[in-house]
């Protein structure tokens, strides 16, 4: 479902989320950074559009890859950039809408 043109259009539309990244570098950010920023700072419409552009399953895969240790063992201190409330909300969301096979 994802295509590079749709991602580029998404990044242009929501470029203010990436306020500390130089404007000429926003189109070069990784999907990991895109997902992290939208989950942490995006509003409902931004999150909804990201899920449509990238796909729920791929966003969930990126989310779990970047949060694996902290979700599996909440007492373990792991560096990640998701805020705690959003990490919990999206874990619940992805557990329901993009369940993992493990």
PDB file of N, CA and C in Angstrom:
ATOM      1  N   UNK A   1       0.819  -1.189   0.000  1.00  0.00           N
ATOM      2  CA  UNK A   1       0.000   0.000   0.000  1.00  0.00           C
ATOM      3  C   UNK A   1       0.869   1.262   0.000  1.00  0.00           C
ATOM      4  N   UNK A   2       2.051   1.141   0.563  1.00  0.00           N
ATOM      5  CA  UNK A   2       2.939   2.293   0.678  1.00  0.00           C
ATOM      6  C   UNK A   2       3.620   2.594  -0.657  1.00  0.00           C
ATOM      7  N   UNK A   3       3.825   3.873  -0.921  1.00  0.00           N
ATOM      8  CA  UNK A   3       4.663   4.256  -2.047  1.00  0.00           C
ATOM      9  C   UNK A   3       5.442   5.502  -1.671  1.00  0.00           C
ATOM     10  N   UNK A   4       6.579   5.665  -2.298  1.00  0.00           N
ATOM     11  CA  UNK A   4       7.490   6.749  -1.936  1.00  0.00           C
ATOM     12  C   UNK A   4       6.870   8.127  -2.167  1.00  0.00           C
ATOM     13  N   UNK A   5       6.092   8.279  -3.206  1.00  0.00           N
ATOM     14  CA  UNK A   5       5.462   9.577  -3.478  1.00  0.00           C
ATOM     15  C   UNK A   5       4.471   9.945  -2.375  1.00  0.00           C
ATOM     16  N   UNK A   6       3.733   8.966  -1.886  1.00  0.00           N
ATOM     17  CA  UNK A   6       2.783   9.225  -0.803  1.00  0.00           C
ATOM     18  C   UNK A   6       3.524   9.603   0.481  1.00  0.00           C
ATOM     19  N   UNK A   7       4.643   8.950   0.733  1.00  0.00           N
ATOM     20  CA  UNK A   7       5.449   9.281   1.917  1.00  0.00           C
ATOM     21  C   UNK A   7       6.015  10.685   1.782  1.00  0.00           C
ATOM     22  N   UNK A   8       6.516  11.026   0.607  1.00  0.00           N
ATOM     23  CA  UNK A   8       7.040  12.377   0.380  1.00  0.00           C
ATOM     24  C   UNK A   8       5.958  13.431   0.588  1.00  0.00           C
ATOM     25  N   UNK A   9       4.768  13.176   0.079  1.00  0.00           N
ATOM     26  CA  UNK A   9       3.655  14.112   0.253  1.00  0.00           C
ATOM     27  C   UNK A   9       3.280  14.225   1.733  1.00  0.00           C
ATOM     28  N   UNK A  10       3.288  13.103   2.436  1.00  0.00           N
ATOM     29  CA  UNK A  10       2.993  13.101   3.867  1.00  0.00           C
ATOM     30  C   UNK A  10       4.017  13.948   4.622  1.00  0.00           C
ATOM     31  N   UNK A  11       5.302  13.736   4.329  1.00  0.00           N
ATOM     32  CA  UNK A  11       6.362  14.496   5.003  1.00  0.00           C
ATOM     33  C   UNK A  11       6.247  15.990   4.722  1.00  0.00           C
ATOM     34  N   UNK A  12       5.879  16.333   3.513  1.00  0.00           N
ATOM     35  CA  UNK A  12       5.708  17.753   3.171  1.00  0.00           C
ATOM     36  C   UNK A  12       4.522  18.341   3.944  1.00  0.00           C
ATOM     37  N   UNK A  13       3.440  17.606   4.017  1.00  0.00           N
ATOM     38  CA  UNK A  13       2.238  18.090   4.698  1.00  0.00           C
ATOM     39  C   UNK A  13       2.475  18.290   6.196  1.00  0.00           C
ATOM     40  N   UNK A  14       3.245  17.380   6.805  1.00  0.00           N
ATOM     41  CA  UNK A  14       3.452  17.417   8.251  1.00  0.00           C
ATOM     42  C   UNK A  14       4.887  17.803   8.631  1.00  0.00           C
ATOM     43  N   UNK A  15       5.541  18.580   7.787  1.00  0.00           N
ATOM     44  CA  UNK A  15       6.949  18.925   8.013  1.00  0.00           C
ATOM     45  C   UNK A  15       7.186  19.644   9.336  1.00  0.00           C
ATOM     46  N   UNK A  16       6.182  20.313   9.884  1.00  0.00           N
ATOM     47  CA  UNK A  16       6.365  21.013  11.155  1.00  0.00           C
ATOM     48  C   UNK A  16       6.590  20.062  12.331  1.00  0.00           C
ATOM     49  N   UNK A  17       6.198  18.793  12.195  1.00  0.00           N
ATOM     50  CA  UNK A  17       6.481  17.814  13.247  1.00  0.00           C
ATOM     51  C   UNK A  17       7.982  17.595  13.403  1.00  0.00           C
ATOM     52  N   UNK A  18       8.705  17.780  12.332  1.00  0.00           N
ATOM     53  CA  UNK A  18      10.144  17.506  12.299  1.00  0.00           C
ATOM     54  C   UNK A  18      10.910  18.815  12.413  1.00  0.00           C
ATOM     55  N   UNK A  19      10.537  19.627  13.378  1.00  0.00           N
ATOM     56  CA  UNK A  19      11.005  21.000  13.504  1.00  0.00           C
ATOM     57  C   UNK A  19      12.511  21.123  13.661  1.00  0.00           C
ATOM     58  N   UNK A  20      13.171  20.141  14.248  1.00  0.00           N
ATOM     59  CA  UNK A  20      14.610  20.288  14.465  1.00  0.00           C
ATOM     60  C   UNK A  20      15.460  19.716  13.323  1.00  0.00           C
ATOM     61  N   UNK A  21      14.807  19.105  12.352  1.00  0.00           N
ATOM     62  CA  UNK A  21      15.523  18.570  11.186  1.00  0.00           C
ATOM     63  C   UNK A  21      15.553  19.658  10.118  1.00  0.00           C
ATOM     64  N   UNK A  22      16.725  19.921   9.542  1.00  0.00           N
ATOM     65  CA  UNK A  22      16.788  20.950   8.491  1.00  0.00           C
ATOM     66  C   UNK A  22      15.772  20.642   7.383  1.00  0.00           C
ATOM     67  N   UNK A  23      15.115  21.674   6.899  1.00  0.00           N
ATOM     68  CA  UNK A  23      14.053  21.518   5.888  1.00  0.00           C
ATOM     69  C   UNK A  23      14.519  20.701   4.687  1.00  0.00           C
ATOM     70  N   UNK A  24      15.770  20.889   4.272  1.00  0.00           N
ATOM     71  CA  UNK A  24      16.264  20.166   3.097  1.00  0.00           C
ATOM     72  C   UNK A  24      16.606  18.711   3.400  1.00  0.00           C
ATOM     73  N   UNK A  25      16.482  18.272   4.651  1.00  0.00           N
ATOM     74  CA  UNK A  25      16.787  16.884   5.029  1.00  0.00           C
ATOM     75  C   UNK A  25      15.539  16.079   5.419  1.00  0.00           C
ATOM     76  N   UNK A  26      14.395  16.743   5.517  1.00  0.00           N
ATOM     77  CA  UNK A  26      13.190  16.050   5.979  1.00  0.00           C
ATOM     78  C   UNK A  26      12.824  14.878   5.071  1.00  0.00           C
ATOM     79  N   UNK A  27      12.962  15.042   3.780  1.00  0.00           N
ATOM     80  CA  UNK A  27      12.604  13.956   2.853  1.00  0.00           C
ATOM     81  C   UNK A  27      13.534  12.748   2.980  1.00  0.00           C
ATOM     82  N   UNK A  28      14.639  12.896   3.707  1.00  0.00           N
ATOM     83  CA  UNK A  28      15.619  11.816   3.841  1.00  0.00           C
ATOM     84  C   UNK A  28      15.482  11.027   5.143  1.00  0.00           C
ATOM     85  N   UNK A  29      14.539  11.402   6.015  1.00  0.00           N
ATOM     86  CA  UNK A  29      14.443  10.705   7.292  1.00  0.00           C
ATOM     87  C   UNK A  29      13.986   9.265   7.090  1.00  0.00           C
ATOM     88  N   UNK A  30      14.359   8.420   8.019  1.00  0.00           N
ATOM     89  CA  UNK A  30      13.968   7.013   7.955  1.00  0.00           C
ATOM     90  C   UNK A  30      12.510   6.848   8.390  1.00  0.00           C
ATOM     91  N   UNK A  31      11.957   5.707   8.056  1.00  0.00           N
ATOM     92  CA  UNK A  31      10.594   5.404   8.506  1.00  0.00           C
ATOM     93  C   UNK A  31      10.546   5.300  10.025  1.00  0.00           C
ATOM     94  N   UNK A  32      11.645   4.843  10.628  1.00  0.00           N
ATOM     95  CA  UNK A  32      11.695   4.756  12.089  1.00  0.00           C
ATOM     96  C   UNK A  32      11.485   6.132  12.711  1.00  0.00           C
ATOM     97  N   UNK A  33      12.161   7.139  12.180  1.00  0.00           N
ATOM     98  CA  UNK A  33      12.029   8.507  12.694  1.00  0.00           C
ATOM     99  C   UNK A  33      10.624   9.026  12.415  1.00  0.00           C
ATOM    100  N   UNK A  34      10.124   8.785  11.232  1.00  0.00           N
ATOM    101  CA  UNK A  34       8.776   9.235  10.880  1.00  0.00           C
ATOM    102  C   UNK A  34       7.751   8.668  11.858  1.00  0.00           C
ATOM    103  N   UNK A  35       7.797   7.369  12.089  1.00  0.00           N
ATOM    104  CA  UNK A  35       6.841   6.719  12.989  1.00  0.00           C
ATOM    105  C   UNK A  35       6.978   7.276  14.403  1.00  0.00           C
ATOM    106  N   UNK A  36       8.201   7.402  14.878  1.00  0.00           N
ATOM    107  CA  UNK A  36       8.430   7.912  16.229  1.00  0.00           C
ATOM    108  C   UNK A  36       7.839   9.314  16.402  1.00  0.00           C
ATOM    109  N   UNK A  37       8.110  10.195  15.469  1.00  0.00           N
ATOM    110  CA  UNK A  37       7.626  11.569  15.591  1.00  0.00           C
ATOM    111  C   UNK A  37       6.112  11.656  15.480  1.00  0.00           C
ATOM    112  N   UNK A  38       5.532  10.897  14.582  1.00  0.00           N
ATOM    113  CA  UNK A  38       4.070  10.949  14.443  1.00  0.00           C
ATOM    114  C   UNK A  38       3.393  10.389  15.693  1.00  0.00           C
ATOM    115  N   UNK A  39       3.913   9.287  16.219  1.00  0.00           N
ATOM    116  CA  UNK A  39       3.325   8.720  17.433  1.00  0.00           C
ATOM    117  C   UNK A  39       3.477   9.684  18.613  1.00  0.00           C
ATOM    118  N   UNK A  40       4.619  10.321  18.734  1.00  0.00           N
ATOM    119  CA  UNK A  40       4.849  11.220  19.869  1.00  0.00           C
ATOM    120  C   UNK A  40       4.176  12.584  19.719  1.00  0.00           C
ATOM    121  N   UNK A  41       4.147  13.128  18.506  1.00  0.00           N
ATOM    122  CA  UNK A  41       3.746  14.523  18.343  1.00  0.00           C
ATOM    123  C   UNK A  41       2.571  14.757  17.400  1.00  0.00           C
ATOM    124  N   UNK A  42       2.172  13.736  16.664  1.00  0.00           N
ATOM    125  CA  UNK A  42       1.100  13.921  15.698  1.00  0.00           C
ATOM    126  C   UNK A  42      -0.271  13.912  16.342  1.00  0.00           C
ATOM    127  N   UNK A  43      -1.208  14.544  15.671  1.00  0.00           N
ATOM    128  CA  UNK A  43      -2.589  14.499  16.141  1.00  0.00           C
ATOM    129  C   UNK A  43      -3.290  13.303  15.479  1.00  0.00           C
ATOM    130  N   UNK A  44      -4.569  13.160  15.772  1.00  0.00           N
ATOM    131  CA  UNK A  44      -5.325  12.007  15.269  1.00  0.00           C
ATOM    132  C   UNK A  44      -5.262  11.891  13.746  1.00  0.00           C
ATOM    133  N   UNK A  45      -5.479  12.998  13.042  1.00  0.00           N
ATOM    134  CA  UNK A  45      -5.500  12.936  11.576  1.00  0.00           C
ATOM    135  C   UNK A  45      -4.124  12.580  11.019  1.00  0.00           C
ATOM    136  N   UNK A  46      -3.085  13.045  11.654  1.00  0.00           N
ATOM    137  CA  UNK A  46      -1.723  12.733  11.225  1.00  0.00           C
ATOM    138  C   UNK A  46      -1.426  11.238  11.411  1.00  0.00           C
ATOM    139  N   UNK A  47      -1.784  10.704  12.571  1.00  0.00           N
ATOM    140  CA  UNK A  47      -1.577   9.274  12.838  1.00  0.00           C
ATOM    141  C   UNK A  47      -2.386   8.434  11.858  1.00  0.00           C
ATOM    142  N   UNK A  48      -3.638   8.801  11.663  1.00  0.00           N
ATOM    143  CA  UNK A  48      -4.513   8.060  10.757  1.00  0.00           C
ATOM    144  C   UNK A  48      -3.936   8.036   9.343  1.00  0.00           C
ATOM    145  N   UNK A  49      -3.454   9.187   8.880  1.00  0.00           N
ATOM    146  CA  UNK A  49      -2.881   9.255   7.541  1.00  0.00           C
ATOM    147  C   UNK A  49      -1.589   8.443   7.442  1.00  0.00           C
ATOM    148  N   UNK A  50      -0.757   8.485   8.476  1.00  0.00           N
ATOM    149  CA  UNK A  50       0.468   7.683   8.476  1.00  0.00           C
ATOM    150  C   UNK A  50       0.132   6.194   8.356  1.00  0.00           C
ATOM    151  N   UNK A  51      -0.859   5.744   9.111  1.00  0.00           N
ATOM    152  CA  UNK A  51      -1.253   4.333   9.059  1.00  0.00           C
ATOM    153  C   UNK A  51      -1.757   3.950   7.670  1.00  0.00           C
ATOM    154  N   UNK A  52      -2.407   4.879   6.981  1.00  0.00           N
ATOM    155  CA  UNK A  52      -2.884   4.609   5.622  1.00  0.00           C
ATOM    156  C   UNK A  52      -1.724   4.599   4.625  1.00  0.00           C
ATOM    157  N   UNK A  53      -0.795   5.535   4.776  1.00  0.00           N
ATOM    158  CA  UNK A  53       0.303   5.668   3.818  1.00  0.00           C
ATOM    159  C   UNK A  53       1.308   4.526   3.959  1.00  0.00           C
ATOM    160  N   UNK A  54       1.705   4.224   5.183  1.00  0.00           N
ATOM    161  CA  UNK A  54       2.729   3.195   5.407  1.00  0.00           C
ATOM    162  C   UNK A  54       2.105   1.823   5.611  1.00  0.00           C
ATOM    163  N   UNK A  55       0.945   1.781   6.220  1.00  0.00           N
ATOM    164  CA  UNK A  55       0.270   0.521   6.511  1.00  0.00           C
ATOM    165  C   UNK A  55       0.386   0.177   7.987  1.00  0.00           C
ATOM    166  N   UNK A  56      -0.691  -0.296   8.567  1.00  0.00           N
ATOM    167  CA  UNK A  56      -0.730  -0.603   9.993  1.00  0.00           C
ATOM    168  C   UNK A  56       0.320  -1.641  10.355  1.00  0.00           C
ATOM    169  N   UNK A  57       0.446  -2.685   9.549  1.00  0.00           N
ATOM    170  CA  UNK A  57       1.379  -3.760   9.872  1.00  0.00           C
ATOM    171  C   UNK A  57       2.829  -3.271   9.875  1.00  0.00           C
ATOM    172  N   UNK A  58       3.194  -2.453   8.890  1.00  0.00           N
ATOM    173  CA  UNK A  58       4.574  -1.970   8.837  1.00  0.00           C
ATOM    174  C   UNK A  58       4.859  -0.972   9.958  1.00  0.00           C
ATOM    175  N   UNK A  59       3.900  -0.107  10.269  1.00  0.00           N
ATOM    176  CA  UNK A  59       4.082   0.822  11.381  1.00  0.00           C
ATOM    177  C   UNK A  59       4.231   0.031  12.679  1.00  0.00           C
ATOM    178  N   UNK A  60       3.413  -0.987  12.871  1.00  0.00           N
ATOM    179  CA  UNK A  60       3.508  -1.829  14.070  1.00  0.00           C
ATOM    180  C   UNK A  60       4.872  -2.507  14.136  1.00  0.00           C
ATOM    181  N   UNK A  61       5.353  -3.014  13.018  1.00  0.00           N
ATOM    182  CA  UNK A  61       6.670  -3.663  12.984  1.00  0.00           C
ATOM    183  C   UNK A  61       7.771  -2.684  13.408  1.00  0.00           C
ATOM    184  N   UNK A  62       7.727  -1.478  12.890  1.00  0.00           N
ATOM    185  CA  UNK A  62       8.707  -0.447  13.258  1.00  0.00           C
ATOM    186  C   UNK A  62       8.577  -0.116  14.739  1.00  0.00           C
ATOM    187  N   UNK A  63       7.364   0.071  15.199  1.00  0.00           N
ATOM    188  CA  UNK A  63       7.106   0.397  16.605  1.00  0.00           C
ATOM    189  C   UNK A  63       7.665  -0.686  17.526  1.00  0.00           C
ATOM    190  N   UNK A  64       7.341  -1.951  17.248  1.00  0.00           N
ATOM    191  CA  UNK A  64       7.803  -3.044  18.104  1.00  0.00           C
ATOM    192  C   UNK A  64       9.314  -3.212  18.036  1.00  0.00           C
ATOM    193  N   UNK A  65       9.890  -3.021  16.866  1.00  0.00           N
ATOM    194  CA  UNK A  65      11.348  -3.137  16.727  1.00  0.00           C
ATOM    195  C   UNK A  65      12.048  -2.123  17.619  1.00  0.00           C
ATOM    196  N   UNK A  66      11.517  -0.911  17.680  1.00  0.00           N
ATOM    197  CA  UNK A  66      12.147   0.155  18.454  1.00  0.00           C
ATOM    198  C   UNK A  66      11.762   0.150  19.929  1.00  0.00           C
ATOM    199  N   UNK A  67      10.810  -0.669  20.317  1.00  0.00           N
ATOM    200  CA  UNK A  67      10.342  -0.708  21.702  1.00  0.00           C
ATOM    201  C   UNK A  67      10.404  -2.092  22.318  1.00  0.00           C
ATOM    202  N   UNK A  68      10.994  -3.040  21.644  1.00  0.00           N
ATOM    203  CA  UNK A  68      10.928  -4.441  22.065  1.00  0.00           C
ATOM    204  C   UNK A  68      11.272  -4.643  23.539  1.00  0.00           C
ATOM    205  N   UNK A  69      12.429  -4.217  23.959  1.00  0.00           N
ATOM    206  CA  UNK A  69      12.858  -4.496  25.331  1.00  0.00           C
ATOM    207  C   UNK A  69      11.993  -3.797  26.359  1.00  0.00           C
ATOM    208  N   UNK A  70      11.633  -2.547  26.102  1.00  0.00           N
ATOM    209  CA  UNK A  70      10.867  -1.804  27.096  1.00  0.00           C
ATOM    210  C   UNK A  70       9.438  -2.323  27.229  1.00  0.00           C
ATOM    211  N   UNK A  71       8.886  -2.868  26.166  1.00  0.00           N
ATOM    212  CA  UNK A  71       7.525  -3.414  26.232  1.00  0.00           C
ATOM    213  C   UNK A  71       7.547  -4.792  26.882  1.00  0.00           C
ATOM    214  N   UNK A  72       8.512  -5.630  26.482  1.00  0.00           N
ATOM    215  CA  UNK A  72       8.580  -6.990  27.013  1.00  0.00           C
ATOM    216  C   UNK A  72       8.986  -7.005  28.488  1.00  0.00           C
ATOM    217  N   UNK A  73       9.818  -6.051  28.888  1.00  0.00           N
ATOM    218  CA  UNK A  73      10.280  -5.983  30.271  1.00  0.00           C
ATOM    219  C   UNK A  73      10.232  -4.531  30.733  1.00  0.00           C
ATOM    220  N   UNK A  74       9.080  -4.076  31.216  1.00  0.00           N
ATOM    221  CA  UNK A  74       8.919  -2.664  31.563  1.00  0.00           C
ATOM    222  C   UNK A  74       9.873  -2.175  32.653  1.00  0.00           C
ATOM    223  N   UNK A  75      10.439  -3.087  33.447  1.00  0.00           N
ATOM    224  CA  UNK A  75      11.363  -2.678  34.512  1.00  0.00           C
ATOM    225  C   UNK A  75      12.785  -2.476  34.000  1.00  0.00           C
ATOM    226  N   UNK A  76      13.050  -2.917  32.794  1.00  0.00           N
ATOM    227  CA  UNK A  76      14.380  -2.757  32.218  1.00  0.00           C
ATOM    228  C   UNK A  76      14.497  -1.354  31.620  1.00  0.00           C
ATOM    229  N   UNK A  77      15.573  -0.680  31.961  1.00  0.00           N
ATOM    230  CA  UNK A  77      15.786   0.670  31.438  1.00  0.00           C
ATOM    231  C   UNK A  77      16.401   0.548  30.051  1.00  0.00           C
ATOM    232  N   UNK A  78      15.643   1.008  29.068  1.00  0.00           N
ATOM    233  CA  UNK A  78      16.068   0.940  27.677  1.00  0.00           C
ATOM    234  C   UNK A  78      15.897   2.330  27.083  1.00  0.00           C
ATOM    235  N   UNK A  79      16.871   2.750  26.303  1.00  0.00           N
ATOM    236  CA  UNK A  79      16.754   4.047  25.666  1.00  0.00           C
ATOM    237  C   UNK A  79      15.817   3.924  24.470  1.00  0.00           C
ATOM    238  N   UNK A  80      14.765   4.685  24.500  1.00  0.00           N
ATOM    239  CA  UNK A  80      13.906   4.844  23.339  1.00  0.00           C
ATOM    240  C   UNK A  80      13.271   6.216  23.449  1.00  0.00           C
ATOM    241  N   UNK A  81      12.736   6.688  22.374  1.00  0.00           N
ATOM    242  CA  UNK A  81      12.242   8.059  22.340  1.00  0.00           C
ATOM    243  C   UNK A  81      10.724   8.175  22.340  1.00  0.00           C
ATOM    244  N   UNK A  82      10.021   7.082  22.588  1.00  0.00           N
ATOM    245  CA  UNK A  82       8.566   7.147  22.676  1.00  0.00           C
ATOM    246  C   UNK A  82       8.172   7.540  24.092  1.00  0.00           C
ATOM    247  N   UNK A  83       7.213   8.458  24.209  1.00  0.00           N
ATOM    248  CA  UNK A  83       6.799   8.787  25.569  1.00  0.00           C
ATOM    249  C   UNK A  83       5.943   7.637  26.109  1.00  0.00           C
ATOM    250  N   UNK A  84       5.944   7.489  27.419  1.00  0.00           N
ATOM    251  CA  UNK A  84       5.327   6.321  28.059  1.00  0.00           C
ATOM    252  C   UNK A  84       3.847   6.159  27.740  1.00  0.00           C
ATOM    253  N   UNK A  85       3.092   7.233  27.773  1.00  0.00           N
ATOM    254  CA  UNK A  85       1.656   7.134  27.493  1.00  0.00           C
ATOM    255  C   UNK A  85       1.395   6.692  26.059  1.00  0.00           C
ATOM    256  N   UNK A  86       2.113   7.276  25.117  1.00  0.00           N
ATOM    257  CA  UNK A  86       1.916   6.895  23.717  1.00  0.00           C
ATOM    258  C   UNK A  86       2.402   5.477  23.452  1.00  0.00           C
ATOM    259  N   UNK A  87       3.504   5.084  24.093  1.00  0.00           N
ATOM    260  CA  UNK A  87       4.004   3.720  23.920  1.00  0.00           C
ATOM    261  C   UNK A  87       2.947   2.727  24.379  1.00  0.00           C
ATOM    262  N   UNK A  88       2.331   2.972  25.528  1.00  0.00           N
ATOM    263  CA  UNK A  88       1.295   2.071  26.031  1.00  0.00           C
ATOM    264  C   UNK A  88       0.063   2.070  25.124  1.00  0.00           C
ATOM    265  N   UNK A  89      -0.399   3.252  24.716  1.00  0.00           N
ATOM    266  CA  UNK A  89      -1.573   3.351  23.844  1.00  0.00           C
ATOM    267  C   UNK A  89      -1.356   2.587  22.536  1.00  0.00           C
ATOM    268  N   UNK A  90      -0.209   2.808  21.899  1.00  0.00           N
ATOM    269  CA  UNK A  90       0.022   2.154  20.614  1.00  0.00           C
ATOM    270  C   UNK A  90       0.332   0.674  20.755  1.00  0.00           C
ATOM    271  N   UNK A  91       0.876   0.247  21.879  1.00  0.00           N
ATOM    272  CA  UNK A  91       1.037  -1.187  22.112  1.00  0.00           C
ATOM    273  C   UNK A  91      -0.337  -1.841  22.129  1.00  0.00           C
ATOM    274  N   UNK A  92      -1.277  -1.234  22.857  1.00  0.00           N
ATOM    275  CA  UNK A  92      -2.632  -1.776  22.904  1.00  0.00           C
ATOM    276  C   UNK A  92      -3.288  -1.764  21.516  1.00  0.00           C
ATOM    277  N   UNK A  93      -3.103  -0.650  20.797  1.00  0.00           N
ATOM    278  CA  UNK A  93      -3.681  -0.527  19.453  1.00  0.00           C
ATOM    279  C   UNK A  93      -3.123  -1.599  18.514  1.00  0.00           C
ATOM    280  N   UNK A  94      -1.799  -1.735  18.483  1.00  0.00           N
ATOM    281  CA  UNK A  94      -1.184  -2.694  17.563  1.00  0.00           C
ATOM    282  C   UNK A  94      -1.443  -4.134  17.993  1.00  0.00           C
ATOM    283  N   UNK A  95      -1.543  -4.399  19.294  1.00  0.00           N
ATOM    284  CA  UNK A  95      -1.895  -5.748  19.745  1.00  0.00           C
ATOM    285  C   UNK A  95      -3.254  -6.161  19.184  1.00  0.00           C
ATOM    286  N   UNK A  96      -4.149  -5.199  19.039  1.00  0.00           N
ATOM    287  CA  UNK A  96      -5.483  -5.501  18.511  1.00  0.00           C
ATOM    288  C   UNK A  96      -5.515  -5.495  16.978  1.00  0.00           C
ATOM    289  N   UNK A  97      -4.866  -4.522  16.342  1.00  0.00           N
ATOM    290  CA  UNK A  97      -5.022  -4.322  14.905  1.00  0.00           C
ATOM    291  C   UNK A  97      -3.877  -4.885  14.041  1.00  0.00           C
ATOM    292  N   UNK A  98      -2.782  -5.255  14.667  1.00  0.00           N
ATOM    293  CA  UNK A  98      -1.654  -5.849  13.942  1.00  0.00           C
ATOM    294  C   UNK A  98      -0.949  -6.830  14.868  1.00  0.00           C
ATOM    295  N   UNK A  99      -1.659  -7.875  15.292  1.00  0.00           N
ATOM    296  CA  UNK A  99      -1.059  -8.801  16.262  1.00  0.00           C
ATOM    297  C   UNK A  99       0.178  -9.493  15.705  1.00  0.00           C
ATOM    298  N   UNK A 100       1.125  -9.701  16.602  1.00  0.00           N
ATOM    299  CA  UNK A 100       2.365 -10.382  16.230  1.00  0.00           C
ATOM    300  C   UNK A 100       2.141 -11.884  16.315  1.00  0.00           C
ATOM    301  N   UNK A 101       2.947 -12.631  15.579  1.00  0.00           N
ATOM    302  CA  UNK A 101       2.826 -14.087  15.567  1.00  0.00           C
ATOM    303  C   UNK A 101       3.579 -14.769  16.695  1.00  0.00           C
ATOM    304  N   UNK A 102       4.336 -13.994  17.480  1.00  0.00           N
ATOM    305  CA  UNK A 102       5.122 -14.632  18.541  1.00  0.00           C
ATOM    306  C   UNK A 102       4.414 -14.646  19.852  1.00  0.00           C
TER     307      UNK A 102
END
